[in-house]
Amino acid sequence: MPIVDTMIVDGNMASVQFHSEGGKGHNGADFNMQYCWVIRLDRERIAEIWGYYDSGKMVALFDDA
């Protein structure tokens, strides 16, 4: 479950820092971690998202081993 920690909005740009709790992938990998999304809006819709994650946990999440 994602939990928002901080949100900053300036015009058509937003930054959202959040963390997850209780997350497990299909392979059993734990994906409780911190995230940061930078979001660009266009006409009140999401146009782009840049996501920053714990790369080691993301690799483990998609590992089929």
N, C-alpha and C. Protein backbone atom coordinates (compact mmCIF):
# COMPACT_ATOMS: atom_id res chain seq x y z
N MET A 1 0.84 -1.17 0.00
CA MET A 1 0.00 0.00 0.00
C MET A 1 0.89 1.25 0.00
N PRO A 2 0.73 2.13 -0.98
CA PRO A 2 1.54 3.35 -1.00
C PRO A 2 1.04 4.38 0.02
N ILE A 3 1.98 5.04 0.67
CA ILE A 3 1.68 6.07 1.67
C ILE A 3 2.46 7.32 1.29
N VAL A 4 1.75 8.42 1.01
CA VAL A 4 2.38 9.67 0.61
C VAL A 4 3.05 10.32 1.81
N ASP A 5 4.32 10.68 1.64
CA ASP A 5 5.09 11.36 2.69
C ASP A 5 5.14 12.87 2.44
N THR A 6 5.43 13.26 1.20
CA THR A 6 5.57 14.67 0.85
C THR A 6 5.10 14.89 -0.57
N MET A 7 4.41 16.00 -0.80
CA MET A 7 4.01 16.37 -2.15
C MET A 7 4.29 17.86 -2.34
N ILE A 8 4.94 18.20 -3.45
CA ILE A 8 5.23 19.59 -3.80
C ILE A 8 4.66 19.82 -5.20
N VAL A 9 3.86 20.87 -5.35
CA VAL A 9 3.26 21.19 -6.64
C VAL A 9 3.62 22.63 -6.99
N ASP A 10 4.06 22.82 -8.23
CA ASP A 10 4.40 24.15 -8.72
C ASP A 10 3.98 24.22 -10.18
N GLY A 11 2.89 24.90 -10.45
CA GLY A 11 2.39 24.99 -11.82
C GLY A 11 2.00 23.64 -12.36
N ASN A 12 2.61 23.24 -13.47
CA ASN A 12 2.27 21.96 -14.09
C ASN A 12 3.23 20.84 -13.68
N MET A 13 4.04 21.07 -12.65
CA MET A 13 5.00 20.07 -12.17
C MET A 13 4.68 19.70 -10.73
N ALA A 14 4.88 18.42 -10.40
CA ALA A 14 4.68 17.95 -9.03
C ALA A 14 5.74 16.92 -8.70
N SER A 15 6.08 16.87 -7.43
CA SER A 15 6.99 15.85 -6.91
C SER A 15 6.28 15.16 -5.76
N VAL A 16 6.25 13.84 -5.80
CA VAL A 16 5.59 13.06 -4.75
C VAL A 16 6.58 12.06 -4.19
N GLN A 17 6.87 12.19 -2.90
CA GLN A 17 7.71 11.21 -2.20
C GLN A 17 6.77 10.32 -1.41
N PHE A 18 6.90 9.01 -1.58
CA PHE A 18 6.02 8.08 -0.87
C PHE A 18 6.77 6.81 -0.56
N HIS A 19 6.18 5.98 0.28
CA HIS A 19 6.78 4.68 0.58
C HIS A 19 5.68 3.63 0.56
N SER A 20 6.10 2.39 0.45
CA SER A 20 5.14 1.28 0.43
C SER A 20 5.36 0.41 1.67
N GLU A 21 4.27 -0.18 2.09
CA GLU A 21 4.30 -1.12 3.22
C GLU A 21 3.49 -2.35 2.88
N GLY A 22 4.00 -3.50 3.25
CA GLY A 22 3.26 -4.75 3.08
C GLY A 22 3.27 -5.29 1.66
N GLY A 23 4.18 -4.81 0.83
CA GLY A 23 4.20 -5.24 -0.56
C GLY A 23 5.06 -6.47 -0.79
N LYS A 24 4.53 -7.42 -1.52
CA LYS A 24 5.27 -8.62 -1.93
C LYS A 24 4.99 -8.86 -3.40
N GLY A 25 6.02 -9.17 -4.16
CA GLY A 25 5.85 -9.51 -5.57
C GLY A 25 5.35 -10.93 -5.73
N HIS A 26 5.01 -11.31 -6.95
CA HIS A 26 4.55 -12.68 -7.23
C HIS A 26 5.61 -13.70 -6.87
N ASN A 27 6.88 -13.28 -6.92
CA ASN A 27 7.98 -14.20 -6.59
C ASN A 27 8.34 -14.14 -5.11
N GLY A 28 7.56 -13.40 -4.31
CA GLY A 28 7.80 -13.30 -2.88
C GLY A 28 8.76 -12.19 -2.48
N ALA A 29 9.31 -11.45 -3.46
CA ALA A 29 10.24 -10.37 -3.16
C ALA A 29 9.55 -9.23 -2.42
N ASP A 30 10.23 -8.71 -1.44
CA ASP A 30 9.74 -7.58 -0.65
C ASP A 30 9.97 -6.29 -1.43
N PHE A 31 8.91 -5.49 -1.61
CA PHE A 31 9.15 -4.20 -2.25
C PHE A 31 8.69 -3.03 -1.39
N ASN A 32 8.87 -3.17 -0.07
CA ASN A 32 8.70 -2.03 0.83
C ASN A 32 9.90 -1.12 0.63
N MET A 33 9.67 0.08 0.13
CA MET A 33 10.79 0.99 -0.14
C MET A 33 10.27 2.42 -0.31
N GLN A 34 11.21 3.35 -0.44
CA GLN A 34 10.92 4.75 -0.72
C GLN A 34 10.85 4.96 -2.23
N TYR A 35 9.97 5.82 -2.65
CA TYR A 35 9.82 6.17 -4.06
C TYR A 35 9.80 7.68 -4.18
N CYS A 36 10.13 8.18 -5.35
CA CYS A 36 9.91 9.58 -5.67
C CYS A 36 9.48 9.66 -7.12
N TRP A 37 8.35 10.30 -7.36
CA TRP A 37 7.88 10.54 -8.72
C TRP A 37 7.90 12.03 -8.99
N VAL A 38 8.40 12.41 -10.15
CA VAL A 38 8.29 13.77 -10.64
C VAL A 38 7.29 13.70 -11.79
N ILE A 39 6.25 14.51 -11.70
CA ILE A 39 5.12 14.40 -12.62
C ILE A 39 4.93 15.73 -13.36
N ARG A 40 4.74 15.63 -14.68
CA ARG A 40 4.40 16.81 -15.48
C ARG A 40 2.97 16.66 -15.98
N LEU A 41 2.18 17.68 -15.76
CA LEU A 41 0.79 17.69 -16.20
C LEU A 41 0.63 18.52 -17.47
N ASP A 42 -0.33 18.13 -18.28
CA ASP A 42 -0.69 18.89 -19.46
C ASP A 42 -2.21 18.86 -19.56
N ARG A 43 -2.83 20.01 -19.47
CA ARG A 43 -4.29 20.12 -19.49
C ARG A 43 -4.94 19.26 -18.42
N GLU A 44 -4.37 19.32 -17.23
CA GLU A 44 -4.89 18.63 -16.04
C GLU A 44 -4.82 17.11 -16.14
N ARG A 45 -3.97 16.60 -17.02
CA ARG A 45 -3.74 15.16 -17.15
C ARG A 45 -2.25 14.89 -17.03
N ILE A 46 -1.92 13.71 -16.55
CA ILE A 46 -0.51 13.34 -16.44
C ILE A 46 0.07 13.14 -17.83
N ALA A 47 1.11 13.91 -18.15
CA ALA A 47 1.78 13.81 -19.44
C ALA A 47 3.05 12.97 -19.36
N GLU A 48 3.79 13.10 -18.25
CA GLU A 48 5.04 12.36 -18.06
C GLU A 48 5.24 12.08 -16.57
N ILE A 49 5.89 10.96 -16.29
CA ILE A 49 6.29 10.63 -14.92
C ILE A 49 7.73 10.12 -14.97
N TRP A 50 8.56 10.67 -14.12
CA TRP A 50 9.91 10.14 -13.91
C TRP A 50 9.90 9.51 -12.53
N GLY A 51 10.24 8.23 -12.44
CA GLY A 51 10.20 7.52 -11.17
C GLY A 51 11.58 7.15 -10.69
N TYR A 52 11.80 7.32 -9.39
CA TYR A 52 13.08 6.99 -8.77
C TYR A 52 12.82 5.96 -7.67
N TYR A 53 13.54 4.84 -7.73
CA TYR A 53 13.29 3.68 -6.88
C TYR A 53 14.61 3.11 -6.37
N ASP A 54 14.48 2.16 -5.47
CA ASP A 54 15.62 1.36 -5.02
C ASP A 54 15.86 0.32 -6.12
N SER A 55 16.88 0.52 -6.94
CA SER A 55 17.08 -0.33 -8.11
C SER A 55 17.32 -1.80 -7.74
N GLY A 56 17.99 -2.06 -6.63
CA GLY A 56 18.22 -3.44 -6.20
C GLY A 56 16.91 -4.16 -5.89
N LYS A 57 16.01 -3.48 -5.22
CA LYS A 57 14.71 -4.09 -4.90
C LYS A 57 13.87 -4.27 -6.16
N MET A 58 13.97 -3.34 -7.10
CA MET A 58 13.21 -3.48 -8.33
C MET A 58 13.70 -4.67 -9.14
N VAL A 59 15.01 -4.88 -9.21
CA VAL A 59 15.56 -6.05 -9.92
C VAL A 59 15.05 -7.33 -9.26
N ALA A 60 15.09 -7.40 -7.93
CA ALA A 60 14.63 -8.59 -7.20
C ALA A 60 13.13 -8.83 -7.44
N LEU A 61 12.36 -7.75 -7.55
CA LEU A 61 10.92 -7.87 -7.74
C LEU A 61 10.58 -8.56 -9.05
N PHE A 62 11.39 -8.32 -10.10
CA PHE A 62 11.12 -8.89 -11.41
C PHE A 62 11.97 -10.11 -11.72
N ASP A 63 12.72 -10.59 -10.74
CA ASP A 63 13.56 -11.78 -10.91
C ASP A 63 12.66 -13.01 -10.88
N ASP A 64 12.78 -13.87 -11.88
CA ASP A 64 11.96 -15.08 -11.95
C ASP A 64 12.59 -16.26 -11.23
N ALA A 65 13.74 -16.08 -10.63
CA ALA A 65 14.44 -17.20 -9.99
C ALA A 65 13.70 -17.73 -8.80
